Full PDB file with SEQRES, HELIX, SHEET, SSBOND, CRYST1, ORIGX, SCALE, CONECT and MASTER records, all heavy atoms in Angstrom:
SEQRES   1 A   33  ALA PRO GLY LYS GLU ARG GLU LEU VAL ALA ALA ILE ASP          
SEQRES   2 A   33  SER GLY GLY VAL THR ASN TYR ALA ASP SER VAL LYS GLY          
SEQRES   3 A   33  ARG PHE THR ILE SER ARG ASP                                  
SHEET    1 AA1 2 ALA A  10  ILE A  12  0                                        
SHEET    2 AA1 2 THR A  18  TYR A  20 -1                                        
CRYST1    1.000    1.000    1.000  90.00  90.00  90.00 P 1           1          
ORIGX1      1.000000  0.000000  0.000000        0.00000                         
ORIGX2      0.000000  1.000000  0.000000        0.00000                         
ORIGX3      0.000000  0.000000  1.000000        0.00000                         
SCALE1      1.000000  0.000000  0.000000        0.00000                         
SCALE2      0.000000  1.000000  0.000000        0.00000                         
SCALE3      0.000000  0.000000  1.000000        0.00000                         
ATOM      1  N   ALA A   1    -191.016 154.421-105.151  1.00  0.00           N  
ATOM      2  CA  ALA A   1    -191.398 153.293-105.998  1.00  0.00           C  
ATOM      3  C   ALA A   1    -191.129 153.693-107.447  1.00  0.00           C  
ATOM      4  O   ALA A   1    -191.124 154.888-107.814  1.00  0.00           O  
ATOM      5  CB  ALA A   1    -192.843 152.915-105.770  1.00  0.00           C  
ATOM      6  N   PRO A   2    -190.935 152.743-108.329  1.00  0.00           N  
ATOM      7  CA  PRO A   2    -190.704 153.055-109.760  1.00  0.00           C  
ATOM      8  C   PRO A   2    -191.814 153.936-110.306  1.00  0.00           C  
ATOM      9  O   PRO A   2    -192.996 153.682-110.162  1.00  0.00           O  
ATOM     10  CB  PRO A   2    -190.685 151.687-110.404  1.00  0.00           C  
ATOM     11  CG  PRO A   2    -190.231 150.752-109.338  1.00  0.00           C  
ATOM     12  CD  PRO A   2    -190.871 151.268-108.072  1.00  0.00           C  
ATOM     13  N   GLY A   3    -191.420 154.999-111.000  1.00  0.00           N  
ATOM     14  CA  GLY A   3    -192.351 155.904-111.626  1.00  0.00           C  
ATOM     15  C   GLY A   3    -193.066 156.850-110.679  1.00  0.00           C  
ATOM     16  O   GLY A   3    -193.950 157.589-111.134  1.00  0.00           O  
ATOM     17  N   LYS A   4    -192.705 156.840-109.402  1.00  0.00           N  
ATOM     18  CA  LYS A   4    -193.365 157.702-108.452  1.00  0.00           C  
ATOM     19  C   LYS A   4    -192.387 158.640-107.794  1.00  0.00           C  
ATOM     20  O   LYS A   4    -191.149 158.429-107.840  1.00  0.00           O  
ATOM     21  CB  LYS A   4    -194.067 156.861-107.391  1.00  0.00           C  
ATOM     22  CG  LYS A   4    -195.243 156.032-107.896  1.00  0.00           C  
ATOM     23  CD  LYS A   4    -195.980 155.371-106.753  1.00  0.00           C  
ATOM     24  CE  LYS A   4    -197.208 154.615-107.243  1.00  0.00           C  
ATOM     25  NZ  LYS A   4    -197.934 154.007-106.127  1.00  0.00           N  
ATOM     26  N   GLU A   5    -192.901 159.684-107.185  1.00  0.00           N  
ATOM     27  CA  GLU A   5    -192.079 160.639-106.493  1.00  0.00           C  
ATOM     28  C   GLU A   5    -191.672 160.070-105.159  1.00  0.00           C  
ATOM     29  O   GLU A   5    -192.346 159.221-104.540  1.00  0.00           O  
ATOM     30  CB  GLU A   5    -192.869 161.946-106.258  1.00  0.00           C  
ATOM     31  CG  GLU A   5    -193.239 162.666-107.555  1.00  0.00           C  
ATOM     32  CD  GLU A   5    -192.049 163.265-108.215  1.00  0.00           C  
ATOM     33  OE1 GLU A   5    -191.079 163.644-107.516  1.00  0.00           O  
ATOM     34  OE2 GLU A   5    -192.079 163.438-109.450  1.00  0.00           O  
ATOM     35  N   ARG A   6    -190.524 160.533-104.677  1.00  0.00           N  
ATOM     36  CA  ARG A   6    -190.085 160.155-103.336  1.00  0.00           C  
ATOM     37  C   ARG A   6    -191.051 160.769-102.305  1.00  0.00           C  
ATOM     38  O   ARG A   6    -191.406 161.950-102.400  1.00  0.00           O  
ATOM     39  CB  ARG A   6    -188.695 160.639-103.081  1.00  0.00           C  
ATOM     40  CG  ARG A   6    -188.053 160.163-101.782  1.00  0.00           C  
ATOM     41  CD  ARG A   6    -186.605 160.538-101.646  1.00  0.00           C  
ATOM     42  NE  ARG A   6    -185.766 159.971-102.681  1.00  0.00           N  
ATOM     43  CZ  ARG A   6    -184.478 160.002-102.731  1.00  0.00           C  
ATOM     44  NH1 ARG A   6    -183.789 160.615-101.788  1.00  0.00           N  
ATOM     45  NH2 ARG A   6    -183.809 159.450-103.741  1.00  0.00           N  
ATOM     46  N   GLU A   7    -191.457 159.960-101.313  1.00  0.00           N  
ATOM     47  CA  GLU A   7    -192.412 160.417-100.359  1.00  0.00           C  
ATOM     48  C   GLU A   7    -191.935 160.135 -98.954  1.00  0.00           C  
ATOM     49  O   GLU A   7    -191.214 159.148 -98.700  1.00  0.00           O  
ATOM     50  CB  GLU A   7    -193.788 159.743-100.581  1.00  0.00           C  
ATOM     51  CG  GLU A   7    -193.757 158.247-100.371  1.00  0.00           C  
ATOM     52  CD  GLU A   7    -195.120 157.618-100.489  1.00  0.00           C  
ATOM     53  OE1 GLU A   7    -196.132 158.348-100.584  1.00  0.00           O  
ATOM     54  OE2 GLU A   7    -195.223 156.373-100.464  1.00  0.00           O  
ATOM     55  N   LEU A   8    -192.338 160.987 -98.055  1.00  0.00           N  
ATOM     56  CA  LEU A   8    -192.048 160.774 -96.643  1.00  0.00           C  
ATOM     57  C   LEU A   8    -192.813 159.566 -96.084  1.00  0.00           C  
ATOM     58  O   LEU A   8    -194.021 159.485 -96.316  1.00  0.00           O  
ATOM     59  CB  LEU A   8    -192.417 162.023 -95.829  1.00  0.00           C  
ATOM     60  CG  LEU A   8    -192.255 161.881 -94.306  1.00  0.00           C  
ATOM     61  CD1 LEU A   8    -190.814 161.808 -93.915  1.00  0.00           C  
ATOM     62  CD2 LEU A   8    -192.926 163.056 -93.614  1.00  0.00           C  
ATOM     63  N   VAL A   9    -192.108 158.706 -95.408  1.00  0.00           N  
ATOM     64  CA  VAL A   9    -192.722 157.592 -94.739  1.00  0.00           C  
ATOM     65  C   VAL A   9    -192.915 157.877 -93.265  1.00  0.00           C  
ATOM     66  O   VAL A   9    -194.044 157.744 -92.717  1.00  0.00           O  
ATOM     67  CB  VAL A   9    -191.913 156.304 -94.918  1.00  0.00           C  
ATOM     68  CG1 VAL A   9    -192.549 155.129 -94.146  1.00  0.00           C  
ATOM     69  CG2 VAL A   9    -191.769 155.952 -96.400  1.00  0.00           C  
ATOM     70  N   ALA A  10    -191.865 158.286 -92.612  1.00  0.00           N  
ATOM     71  CA  ALA A  10    -191.910 158.574 -91.161  1.00  0.00           C  
ATOM     72  C   ALA A  10    -190.707 159.487 -90.806  1.00  0.00           C  
ATOM     73  O   ALA A  10    -189.679 159.452 -91.508  1.00  0.00           O  
ATOM     74  CB  ALA A  10    -191.824 157.290 -90.348  1.00  0.00           C  
ATOM     75  N   ALA A  11    -190.910 160.286 -89.833  1.00  0.00           N  
ATOM     76  CA  ALA A  11    -189.859 161.178 -89.356  1.00  0.00           C  
ATOM     77  C   ALA A  11    -189.914 161.289 -87.821  1.00  0.00           C  
ATOM     78  O   ALA A  11    -190.963 161.100 -87.249  1.00  0.00           O  
ATOM     79  CB  ALA A  11    -189.941 162.573 -89.962  1.00  0.00           C  
ATOM     80  N   ILE A  12    -188.746 161.586 -87.257  1.00  0.00           N  
ATOM     81  CA  ILE A  12    -188.658 161.786 -85.819  1.00  0.00           C  
ATOM     82  C   ILE A  12    -187.722 162.911 -85.538  1.00  0.00           C  
ATOM     83  O   ILE A  12    -186.629 162.992 -86.098  1.00  0.00           O  
ATOM     84  CB  ILE A  12    -188.221 160.451 -85.123  1.00  0.00           C  
ATOM     85  CG1 ILE A  12    -188.219 160.633 -83.618  1.00  0.00           C  
ATOM     86  CG2 ILE A  12    -186.907 159.974 -85.660  1.00  0.00           C  
ATOM     87  CD1 ILE A  12    -188.105 159.277 -82.858  1.00  0.00           C  
ATOM     88  N   ASP A  13    -188.125 163.856 -84.661  1.00  0.00           N  
ATOM     89  CA  ASP A  13    -187.267 164.956 -84.388  1.00  0.00           C  
ATOM     90  C   ASP A  13    -186.414 164.703 -83.141  1.00  0.00           C  
ATOM     91  O   ASP A  13    -186.435 163.634 -82.565  1.00  0.00           O  
ATOM     92  CB  ASP A  13    -188.085 166.262 -84.241  1.00  0.00           C  
ATOM     93  CG  ASP A  13    -188.961 166.328 -83.026  1.00  0.00           C  
ATOM     94  OD1 ASP A  13    -188.804 165.495 -82.117  1.00  0.00           O  
ATOM     95  OD2 ASP A  13    -189.833 167.214 -82.982  1.00  0.00           O  
ATOM     96  N   SER A  14    -185.613 165.720 -82.792  1.00  0.00           N  
ATOM     97  CA  SER A  14    -184.682 165.501 -81.670  1.00  0.00           C  
ATOM     98  C   SER A  14    -185.351 165.276 -80.351  1.00  0.00           C  
ATOM     99  O   SER A  14    -184.727 164.702 -79.445  1.00  0.00           O  
ATOM    100  CB  SER A  14    -183.743 166.740 -81.597  1.00  0.00           C  
ATOM    101  OG  SER A  14    -184.473 167.913 -81.391  1.00  0.00           O  
ATOM    102  N   GLY A  15    -186.607 165.712 -80.230  1.00  0.00           N  
ATOM    103  CA  GLY A  15    -187.365 165.509 -78.998  1.00  0.00           C  
ATOM    104  C   GLY A  15    -188.160 164.243 -78.994  1.00  0.00           C  
ATOM    105  O   GLY A  15    -188.848 163.961 -78.026  1.00  0.00           O  
ATOM    106  N   GLY A  16    -188.077 163.477 -80.057  1.00  0.00           N  
ATOM    107  CA  GLY A  16    -188.802 162.198 -80.125  1.00  0.00           C  
ATOM    108  C   GLY A  16    -190.196 162.291 -80.741  1.00  0.00           C  
ATOM    109  O   GLY A  16    -190.909 161.288 -80.734  1.00  0.00           O  
ATOM    110  N   VAL A  17    -190.576 163.459 -81.194  1.00  0.00           N  
ATOM    111  CA  VAL A  17    -191.882 163.623 -81.810  1.00  0.00           C  
ATOM    112  C   VAL A  17    -191.854 162.981 -83.187  1.00  0.00           C  
ATOM    113  O   VAL A  17    -190.941 163.259 -83.988  1.00  0.00           O  
ATOM    114  CB  VAL A  17    -192.271 165.104 -81.898  1.00  0.00           C  
ATOM    115  CG1 VAL A  17    -193.631 165.245 -82.607  1.00  0.00           C  
ATOM    116  CG2 VAL A  17    -192.358 165.683 -80.514  1.00  0.00           C  
ATOM    117  N   THR A  18    -192.838 162.173 -83.465  1.00  0.00           N  
ATOM    118  CA  THR A  18    -192.880 161.430 -84.763  1.00  0.00           C  
ATOM    119  C   THR A  18    -194.054 161.892 -85.605  1.00  0.00           C  
ATOM    120  O   THR A  18    -195.034 162.448 -85.125  1.00  0.00           O  
ATOM    121  CB  THR A  18    -192.995 159.941 -84.506  1.00  0.00           C  
ATOM    122  OG1 THR A  18    -194.224 159.659 -83.757  1.00  0.00           O  
ATOM    123  CG2 THR A  18    -191.818 159.426 -83.670  1.00  0.00           C  
ATOM    124  N   ASN A  19    -193.897 161.643 -86.904  1.00  0.00           N  
ATOM    125  CA  ASN A  19    -195.041 161.762 -87.791  1.00  0.00           C  
ATOM    126  C   ASN A  19    -194.906 160.715 -88.874  1.00  0.00           C  
ATOM    127  O   ASN A  19    -193.807 160.286 -89.244  1.00  0.00           O  
ATOM    128  CB  ASN A  19    -195.196 163.182 -88.361  1.00  0.00           C  
ATOM    129  CG  ASN A  19    -194.099 163.577 -89.310  1.00  0.00           C  
ATOM    130  OD1 ASN A  19    -194.158 163.263 -90.510  1.00  0.00           O  
ATOM    131  ND2 ASN A  19    -193.083 164.269 -88.801  1.00  0.00           N  
ATOM    132  N   TYR A  20    -196.027 160.301 -89.416  1.00  0.00           N  
ATOM    133  CA  TYR A  20    -196.089 159.202 -90.384  1.00  0.00           C  
ATOM    134  C   TYR A  20    -196.992 159.570 -91.549  1.00  0.00           C  
ATOM    135  O   TYR A  20    -197.950 160.320 -91.413  1.00  0.00           O  
ATOM    136  CB  TYR A  20    -196.626 157.948 -89.709  1.00  0.00           C  
ATOM    137  CG  TYR A  20    -195.808 157.414 -88.580  1.00  0.00           C  
ATOM    138  CD1 TYR A  20    -196.039 157.821 -87.265  1.00  0.00           C  
ATOM    139  CD2 TYR A  20    -194.836 156.465 -88.805  1.00  0.00           C  
ATOM    140  CE1 TYR A  20    -195.291 157.323 -86.200  1.00  0.00           C  
ATOM    141  CE2 TYR A  20    -194.078 155.960 -87.740  1.00  0.00           C  
ATOM    142  CZ  TYR A  20    -194.324 156.387 -86.456  1.00  0.00           C  
ATOM    143  OH  TYR A  20    -193.590 155.870 -85.425  1.00  0.00           O  
ATOM    144  N   ALA A  21    -196.656 158.970 -92.658  1.00  0.00           N  
ATOM    145  CA  ALA A  21    -197.565 159.006 -93.769  1.00  0.00           C  
ATOM    146  C   ALA A  21    -198.834 158.247 -93.420  1.00  0.00           C  
ATOM    147  O   ALA A  21    -198.811 157.256 -92.698  1.00  0.00           O  
ATOM    148  CB  ALA A  21    -196.958 158.381 -95.038  1.00  0.00           C  
ATOM    149  N   ASP A  22    -199.967 158.739 -93.890  1.00  0.00           N  
ATOM    150  CA  ASP A  22    -201.236 158.076 -93.582  1.00  0.00           C  
ATOM    151  C   ASP A  22    -201.214 156.597 -93.997  1.00  0.00           C  
ATOM    152  O   ASP A  22    -201.836 155.754 -93.326  1.00  0.00           O  
ATOM    153  CB  ASP A  22    -202.388 158.787 -94.277  1.00  0.00           C  
ATOM    154  CG  ASP A  22    -202.699 160.132 -93.671  1.00  0.00           C  
ATOM    155  OD1 ASP A  22    -202.305 160.374 -92.504  1.00  0.00           O  
ATOM    156  OD2 ASP A  22    -203.378 160.945 -94.336  1.00  0.00           O  
ATOM    157  N   SER A  23    -200.531 156.273 -95.030  1.00  0.00           N  
ATOM    158  CA  SER A  23    -200.550 154.921 -95.560  1.00  0.00           C  
ATOM    159  C   SER A  23    -199.837 153.924 -94.669  1.00  0.00           C  
ATOM    160  O   SER A  23    -200.040 152.686 -94.834  1.00  0.00           O  
ATOM    161  CB  SER A  23    -199.916 154.884 -96.961  1.00  0.00           C  
ATOM    162  OG  SER A  23    -198.589 155.352 -96.927  1.00  0.00           O  
ATOM    163  N   VAL A  24    -199.033 154.396 -93.726  1.00  0.00           N  
ATOM    164  CA  VAL A  24    -198.262 153.479 -92.868  1.00  0.00           C  
ATOM    165  C   VAL A  24    -198.653 153.590 -91.421  1.00  0.00           C  
ATOM    166  O   VAL A  24    -198.120 152.819 -90.596  1.00  0.00           O  
ATOM    167  CB  VAL A  24    -196.772 153.683 -93.040  1.00  0.00           C  
ATOM    168  CG1 VAL A  24    -196.366 153.587 -94.485  1.00  0.00           C  
ATOM    169  CG2 VAL A  24    -196.278 154.989 -92.456  1.00  0.00           C  
ATOM    170  N   LYS A  25    -199.513 154.489 -91.067  1.00  0.00           N  
ATOM    171  CA  LYS A  25    -199.894 154.677 -89.671  1.00  0.00           C  
ATOM    172  C   LYS A  25    -200.469 153.406 -89.084  1.00  0.00           C  
ATOM    173  O   LYS A  25    -201.300 152.735 -89.731  1.00  0.00           O  
ATOM    174  CB  LYS A  25    -200.903 155.831 -89.520  1.00  0.00           C  
ATOM    175  CG  LYS A  25    -200.300 157.212 -89.677  1.00  0.00           C  
ATOM    176  CD  LYS A  25    -201.353 158.288 -89.511  1.00  0.00           C  
ATOM    177  CE  LYS A  25    -200.736 159.677 -89.632  1.00  0.00           C  
ATOM    178  NZ  LYS A  25    -201.780 160.726 -89.580  1.00  0.00           N  
ATOM    179  N   GLY A  26    -200.029 153.044 -87.911  1.00  0.00           N  
ATOM    180  CA  GLY A  26    -200.473 151.825 -87.332  1.00  0.00           C  
ATOM    181  C   GLY A  26    -199.675 150.597 -87.713  1.00  0.00           C  
ATOM    182  O   GLY A  26    -199.884 149.538 -87.064  1.00  0.00           O  
ATOM    183  N   ARG A  27    -198.875 150.686 -88.726  1.00  0.00           N  
ATOM    184  CA  ARG A  27    -198.084 149.534 -89.179  1.00  0.00           C  
ATOM    185  C   ARG A  27    -196.584 149.754 -89.000  1.00  0.00           C  
ATOM    186  O   ARG A  27    -195.864 148.796 -88.712  1.00  0.00           O  
ATOM    187  CB  ARG A  27    -198.386 149.254 -90.657  1.00  0.00           C  
ATOM    188  CG  ARG A  27    -199.821 148.929 -90.942  1.00  0.00           C  
ATOM    189  CD  ARG A  27    -200.031 148.467 -92.385  1.00  0.00           C  
ATOM    190  NE  ARG A  27    -199.663 149.485 -93.354  1.00  0.00           N  
ATOM    191  CZ  ARG A  27    -198.711 149.372 -94.278  1.00  0.00           C  
ATOM    192  NH1 ARG A  27    -198.031 148.246 -94.365  1.00  0.00           N  
ATOM    193  NH2 ARG A  27    -198.458 150.363 -95.115  1.00  0.00           N  
ATOM    194  N   PHE A  28    -196.125 150.991 -89.185  1.00  0.00           N  
ATOM    195  CA  PHE A  28    -194.687 151.288 -89.094  1.00  0.00           C  
ATOM    196  C   PHE A  28    -194.419 152.116 -87.846  1.00  0.00           C  
ATOM    197  O   PHE A  28    -195.247 152.894 -87.397  1.00  0.00           O  
ATOM    198  CB  PHE A  28    -194.260 152.113 -90.298  1.00  0.00           C  
ATOM    199  CG  PHE A  28    -194.239 151.385 -91.633  1.00  0.00           C  
ATOM    200  CD1 PHE A  28    -194.808 150.141 -91.755  1.00  0.00           C  
ATOM    201  CD2 PHE A  28    -193.684 151.986 -92.746  1.00  0.00           C  
ATOM    202  CE1 PHE A  28    -194.832 149.474 -92.969  1.00  0.00           C  
ATOM    203  CE2 PHE A  28    -193.677 151.339 -93.957  1.00  0.00           C  
ATOM    204  CZ  PHE A  28    -194.252 150.093 -94.096  1.00  0.00           C  
ATOM    205  N   THR A  29    -193.203 151.909 -87.298  1.00  0.00           N  
ATOM    206  CA  THR A  29    -192.789 152.659 -86.153  1.00  0.00           C  
ATOM    207  C   THR A  29    -191.355 153.155 -86.367  1.00  0.00           C  
ATOM    208  O   THR A  29    -190.497 152.302 -86.668  1.00  0.00           O  
ATOM    209  CB  THR A  29    -192.869 151.812 -84.851  1.00  0.00           C  
ATOM    210  OG1 THR A  29    -194.187 151.343 -84.663  1.00  0.00           O  
ATOM    211  CG2 THR A  29    -192.434 152.637 -83.646  1.00  0.00           C  
ATOM    212  N   ILE A  30    -191.133 154.415 -86.200  1.00  0.00           N  
ATOM    213  CA  ILE A  30    -189.802 154.964 -86.278  1.00  0.00           C  
ATOM    214  C   ILE A  30    -189.264 155.228 -84.889  1.00  0.00           C  
ATOM    215  O   ILE A  30    -190.033 155.608 -83.971  1.00  0.00           O  
ATOM    216  CB  ILE A  30    -189.814 156.286 -87.127  1.00  0.00           C  
ATOM    217  CG1 ILE A  30    -188.389 156.731 -87.402  1.00  0.00           C  
ATOM    218  CG2 ILE A  30    -190.612 157.361 -86.454  1.00  0.00           C  
ATOM    219  CD1 ILE A  30    -188.265 157.854 -88.467  1.00  0.00           C  
ATOM    220  N   SER A  31    -187.985 155.013 -84.707  1.00  0.00           N  
ATOM    221  CA  SER A  31    -187.342 155.198 -83.413  1.00  0.00           C  
ATOM    222  C   SER A  31    -185.915 155.599 -83.615  1.00  0.00           C  
ATOM    223  O   SER A  31    -185.357 155.457 -84.704  1.00  0.00           O  
ATOM    224  CB  SER A  31    -187.430 153.976 -82.537  1.00  0.00           C  
ATOM    225  OG  SER A  31    -186.792 152.852 -83.135  1.00  0.00           O  
ATOM    226  N   ARG A  32    -185.320 156.171 -82.554  1.00  0.00           N  
ATOM    227  CA  ARG A  32    -183.928 156.576 -82.614  1.00  0.00           C  
ATOM    228  C   ARG A  32    -183.172 156.043 -81.386  1.00  0.00           C  
ATOM    229  O   ARG A  32    -183.687 155.939 -80.301  1.00  0.00           O  
ATOM    230  CB  ARG A  32    -183.811 158.135 -82.587  1.00  0.00           C  
ATOM    231  CG  ARG A  32    -184.355 158.826 -83.809  1.00  0.00           C  
ATOM    232  CD  ARG A  32    -184.313 160.306 -83.633  1.00  0.00           C  
ATOM    233  NE  ARG A  32    -182.964 160.887 -83.776  1.00  0.00           N  
ATOM    234  CZ  ARG A  32    -182.728 162.133 -84.027  1.00  0.00           C  
ATOM    235  NH1 ARG A  32    -183.718 163.031 -84.137  1.00  0.00           N  
ATOM    236  NH2 ARG A  32    -181.468 162.562 -84.107  1.00  0.00           N  
ATOM    237  N   ASP A  33    -181.901 155.781 -81.640  1.00  0.00           N  
ATOM    238  CA  ASP A  33    -180.950 155.488 -80.609  1.00  0.00           C  
ATOM    239  C   ASP A  33    -179.866 156.558 -80.728  1.00  0.00           C  
ATOM    240  O   ASP A  33    -178.954 156.457 -81.531  1.00  0.00           O  
ATOM    241  CB  ASP A  33    -180.355 154.096 -80.758  1.00  0.00           C  
ATOM    242  CG  ASP A  33    -179.423 153.718 -79.627  1.00  0.00           C  
ATOM    243  OD1 ASP A  33    -178.910 154.652 -78.907  1.00  0.00           O  
ATOM    244  OD2 ASP A  33    -179.196 152.515 -79.402  1.00  0.00           O  
TER     245      ASP A  33                                                      
MASTER        0    0    0    0    2    0    0    6  244    1    0    3          
END                                                                             
């Protein structure tokens, strides 16, 4: 966001393990094809 540092929102590894920022947990979902 303007004036803020870049922050991790969500990530997914090669095995499908995900992690999310606390601010988006329960609202955002990351997936891979």
